[in-house]
Amino acid sequence: MPSPRQKQDFPVQNVRRYLEPGPIVLVSSHWQGRSNVMTLGWHTVLEFSPSLVGLMISRGNHSFEMIRRSRECVINVPTEALVDSVVRVGNSSGAQVDKFAAYGLATAQASIVRAPLVAACHAHFECRLRDDALVERYNFFIFEVVKAHVAPSPRHPRTLHYTGDGAFMVAGKVISRRAMFRPDMLP
């Protein structure tokens, strides 16, 4: 019997390298005539119908109060082509700079919410705050996706996944096991 691979201790504060829930997103907001965008990696799908998504937005982000007060946002899904913009947006504050203008991010009007869509992104999910019970304690917002816009191709875009230490992985090879799933388990 083969022996298990040797493991070594790992810093607990770096487990995100293995547990990041999904692609890096750009969250846009609008409040009192001003728009902003932030880079975010801490999100999770909570329910399919209604479509609920949880976002952990640090209180130190300029977007935190804009989103808290407006009670809405757009979750924009960038692809590999936007990696430099994702980093620039994440390294700056909307309190000091108009990130859309500074980084050449074109916007489009959303259908339902006031926050803008980041036009170059593969997908846009317009959201309204559904539950703020965990905001005060954990900075965790629960949003309902009220409108979704997704480019028809590619079907599996090359999204960015942050692993810490300034490094990203890019979604790559797709492995289908559709035939193995029970039909009622396929969304």
Protein backbone atom coordinates (compact mmCIF):
# COMPACT_ATOMS: atom_id res chain seq x y z
CA MET A 1 0.00 0.00 0.00
CA PRO A 2 1.49 3.38 -0.95
CA SER A 3 2.18 5.78 1.88
CA PRO A 4 0.28 9.10 2.00
CA ARG A 5 2.11 12.08 0.57
CA GLN A 6 4.06 13.96 3.16
CA LYS A 7 2.39 17.15 4.31
CA GLN A 8 3.87 20.05 6.19
CA ASP A 9 2.39 22.69 8.44
CA PHE A 10 0.92 25.64 6.59
CA PRO A 11 0.09 29.17 7.87
CA VAL A 12 -3.63 29.25 8.65
CA GLN A 13 -3.95 32.84 7.42
CA ASN A 14 -3.00 31.60 3.92
CA VAL A 15 -5.58 28.83 3.50
CA ARG A 16 -7.33 31.07 0.96
CA ARG A 17 -4.81 29.72 -1.55
CA TYR A 18 -6.82 26.49 -1.51
CA LEU A 19 -10.31 27.65 -0.50
CA GLU A 20 -11.12 30.73 -2.58
CA PRO A 21 -14.77 30.23 -3.49
CA GLY A 22 -14.79 31.49 -7.04
CA PRO A 23 -13.53 34.06 -9.47
CA ILE A 24 -12.38 37.52 -8.54
CA VAL A 25 -15.18 39.99 -9.24
CA LEU A 26 -15.48 43.73 -9.68
CA VAL A 27 -18.30 45.09 -7.53
CA SER A 28 -19.71 48.39 -8.73
CA SER A 29 -21.82 50.71 -6.63
CA HIS A 30 -23.60 54.05 -6.85
CA TRP A 31 -24.65 56.42 -4.06
CA GLN A 32 -25.53 60.12 -4.06
CA GLY A 33 -24.46 60.73 -7.66
CA ARG A 34 -21.10 58.94 -7.40
CA SER A 35 -20.11 55.54 -8.74
CA ASN A 36 -17.31 53.30 -7.56
CA VAL A 37 -15.85 49.89 -8.26
CA MET A 38 -13.87 47.53 -6.04
CA THR A 39 -12.09 44.20 -6.48
CA LEU A 40 -13.54 41.38 -4.37
CA GLY A 41 -12.69 37.74 -3.87
CA TRP A 42 -14.79 36.82 -0.84
CA HIS A 43 -18.20 35.78 -2.11
CA THR A 44 -20.36 32.71 -2.09
CA VAL A 45 -23.56 31.42 -3.64
CA LEU A 46 -26.12 30.88 -0.88
CA GLU A 47 -29.28 29.83 -2.73
CA PHE A 48 -30.41 29.11 -6.27
CA SER A 49 -33.99 30.44 -6.18
CA PRO A 50 -34.21 33.14 -5.19
CA SER A 51 -30.64 33.67 -6.35
CA LEU A 52 -28.79 34.71 -3.19
CA VAL A 53 -25.12 35.65 -3.06
CA GLY A 54 -23.08 36.59 0.00
CA LEU A 55 -20.30 39.19 -0.18
CA MET A 56 -17.80 39.96 2.56
CA ILE A 57 -16.94 43.64 2.06
CA SER A 58 -14.40 45.07 4.47
CA ARG A 59 -15.60 48.10 6.39
CA GLY A 60 -12.36 49.82 5.34
CA ASN A 61 -13.38 49.84 1.67
CA HIS A 62 -14.88 53.04 0.28
CA SER A 63 -17.57 50.86 -1.35
CA PHE A 64 -18.75 49.52 2.01
CA GLU A 65 -20.83 52.57 2.96
CA MET A 66 -21.95 53.23 -0.61
CA ILE A 67 -23.34 49.71 -0.85
CA ARG A 68 -24.72 49.72 2.67
CA ARG A 69 -26.62 52.95 2.07
CA SER A 70 -27.80 52.28 -1.50
CA ARG A 71 -28.60 48.62 -0.67
CA GLU A 72 -27.58 47.52 -4.16
CA CYS A 73 -24.58 46.75 -6.36
CA VAL A 74 -23.50 44.96 -9.51
CA ILE A 75 -21.23 41.92 -9.37
CA ASN A 76 -19.16 42.04 -12.58
CA VAL A 77 -17.12 38.98 -13.63
CA PRO A 78 -13.85 39.96 -15.37
CA THR A 79 -11.73 37.62 -17.45
CA GLU A 80 -7.99 37.16 -17.82
CA ALA A 81 -7.82 40.14 -20.20
CA LEU A 82 -8.69 42.48 -17.30
CA VAL A 83 -6.12 41.23 -14.77
CA ASP A 84 -4.15 44.51 -14.69
CA SER A 85 -7.35 46.52 -14.21
CA VAL A 86 -8.44 44.15 -11.43
CA VAL A 87 -5.15 44.78 -9.59
CA ARG A 88 -5.25 48.56 -10.14
CA VAL A 89 -8.83 48.80 -8.90
CA GLY A 90 -7.94 46.70 -5.86
CA ASN A 91 -4.90 48.84 -5.04
CA SER A 92 -6.74 52.16 -4.98
CA SER A 93 -9.57 53.82 -3.10
CA GLY A 94 -12.64 55.38 -4.65
CA ALA A 95 -12.40 58.03 -1.94
CA GLN A 96 -9.32 59.43 -3.74
CA VAL A 97 -9.79 58.48 -7.40
CA ASP A 98 -12.51 57.88 -9.98
CA LYS A 99 -11.42 54.34 -10.82
CA PHE A 100 -13.55 54.12 -13.96
CA ALA A 101 -11.81 57.16 -15.48
CA ALA A 102 -8.34 56.44 -14.08
CA TYR A 103 -8.21 52.85 -15.38
CA GLY A 104 -10.23 53.26 -18.57
CA LEU A 105 -13.15 51.10 -17.45
CA ALA A 106 -16.14 51.82 -19.67
CA THR A 107 -19.53 51.45 -18.05
CA ALA A 108 -23.03 50.62 -19.21
CA GLN A 109 -26.34 51.34 -17.55
CA ALA A 110 -27.85 48.54 -15.52
CA SER A 111 -31.45 47.48 -16.13
CA ILE A 112 -32.73 47.60 -12.55
CA VAL A 113 -30.14 49.03 -10.12
CA ARG A 114 -28.34 52.38 -10.27
CA ALA A 115 -24.82 50.92 -9.98
CA PRO A 116 -23.10 50.74 -13.39
CA LEU A 117 -22.07 47.63 -15.27
CA VAL A 118 -18.33 47.28 -16.06
CA ALA A 119 -18.75 46.90 -19.82
CA ALA A 120 -15.66 44.77 -20.53
CA CYS A 121 -16.66 42.05 -18.05
CA HIS A 122 -18.02 38.70 -19.19
CA ALA A 123 -21.04 38.79 -16.87
CA HIS A 124 -22.98 41.28 -14.73
CA PHE A 125 -25.28 40.42 -11.85
CA GLU A 126 -27.48 43.26 -10.66
CA CYS A 127 -28.14 42.84 -6.94
CA ARG A 128 -30.35 44.24 -4.22
CA LEU A 129 -29.60 43.79 -0.54
CA ARG A 130 -31.77 40.97 0.77
CA ASP A 131 -30.45 40.62 4.33
CA ASP A 132 -28.08 42.81 6.34
CA ALA A 133 -28.24 40.88 9.64
CA LEU A 134 -24.55 39.89 9.39
CA VAL A 135 -23.17 43.23 8.16
CA GLU A 136 -22.53 44.80 11.54
CA ARG A 137 -20.83 41.75 13.02
CA TYR A 138 -19.05 40.20 10.00
CA ASN A 139 -19.25 42.75 7.13
CA PHE A 140 -21.24 40.05 5.30
CA PHE A 141 -23.95 41.26 2.90
CA ILE A 142 -26.57 38.91 1.48
CA PHE A 143 -27.77 40.05 -1.94
CA GLU A 144 -30.47 38.81 -4.26
CA VAL A 145 -29.52 38.79 -7.93
CA VAL A 146 -32.43 40.59 -9.61
CA LYS A 147 -31.04 40.67 -13.17
CA ALA A 148 -28.22 38.75 -14.86
CA HIS A 149 -26.41 39.55 -18.12
CA VAL A 150 -23.89 37.01 -19.50
CA ALA A 151 -21.96 36.99 -22.79
CA PRO A 152 -23.01 33.95 -24.84
CA SER A 153 -19.41 32.96 -25.53
CA PRO A 154 -17.12 31.66 -24.45
CA ARG A 155 -19.28 29.36 -22.40
CA HIS A 156 -16.42 28.83 -19.92
CA PRO A 157 -14.55 32.15 -19.71
CA ARG A 158 -10.98 32.38 -18.44
CA THR A 159 -11.79 33.91 -15.05
CA LEU A 160 -9.28 35.03 -12.43
CA HIS A 161 -8.84 33.28 -9.08
CA TYR A 162 -6.64 34.99 -6.50
CA THR A 163 -4.34 32.71 -4.50
CA GLY A 164 -2.66 35.34 -2.35
CA ASP A 165 0.84 36.82 -2.53
CA GLY A 166 0.00 38.75 -5.73
CA ALA A 167 -0.67 35.60 -7.80
CA PHE A 168 -3.75 34.58 -9.77
CA MET A 169 -4.77 31.27 -11.31
CA VAL A 170 -6.82 31.36 -14.47
CA ALA A 171 -9.77 29.01 -14.96
CA GLY A 172 -8.67 26.60 -17.60
CA LYS A 173 -9.49 23.10 -18.72
CA VAL A 174 -13.14 22.08 -18.40
CA ILE A 175 -13.89 18.49 -17.39
CA SER A 176 -17.48 17.39 -18.03
CA ARG A 177 -19.09 14.62 -16.01
CA ARG A 178 -22.65 15.65 -16.93
CA ALA A 179 -23.59 12.06 -17.84
CA MET A 180 -22.78 10.93 -14.29
CA PHE A 181 -25.18 13.42 -12.63
CA ARG A 182 -28.75 12.64 -11.77
CA PRO A 183 -30.93 14.97 -13.87
CA ASP A 184 -32.45 16.57 -10.77
CA MET A 185 -28.95 17.51 -9.54
CA LEU A 186 -28.12 19.60 -12.62
CA PRO A 187 -28.98 23.29 -12.21
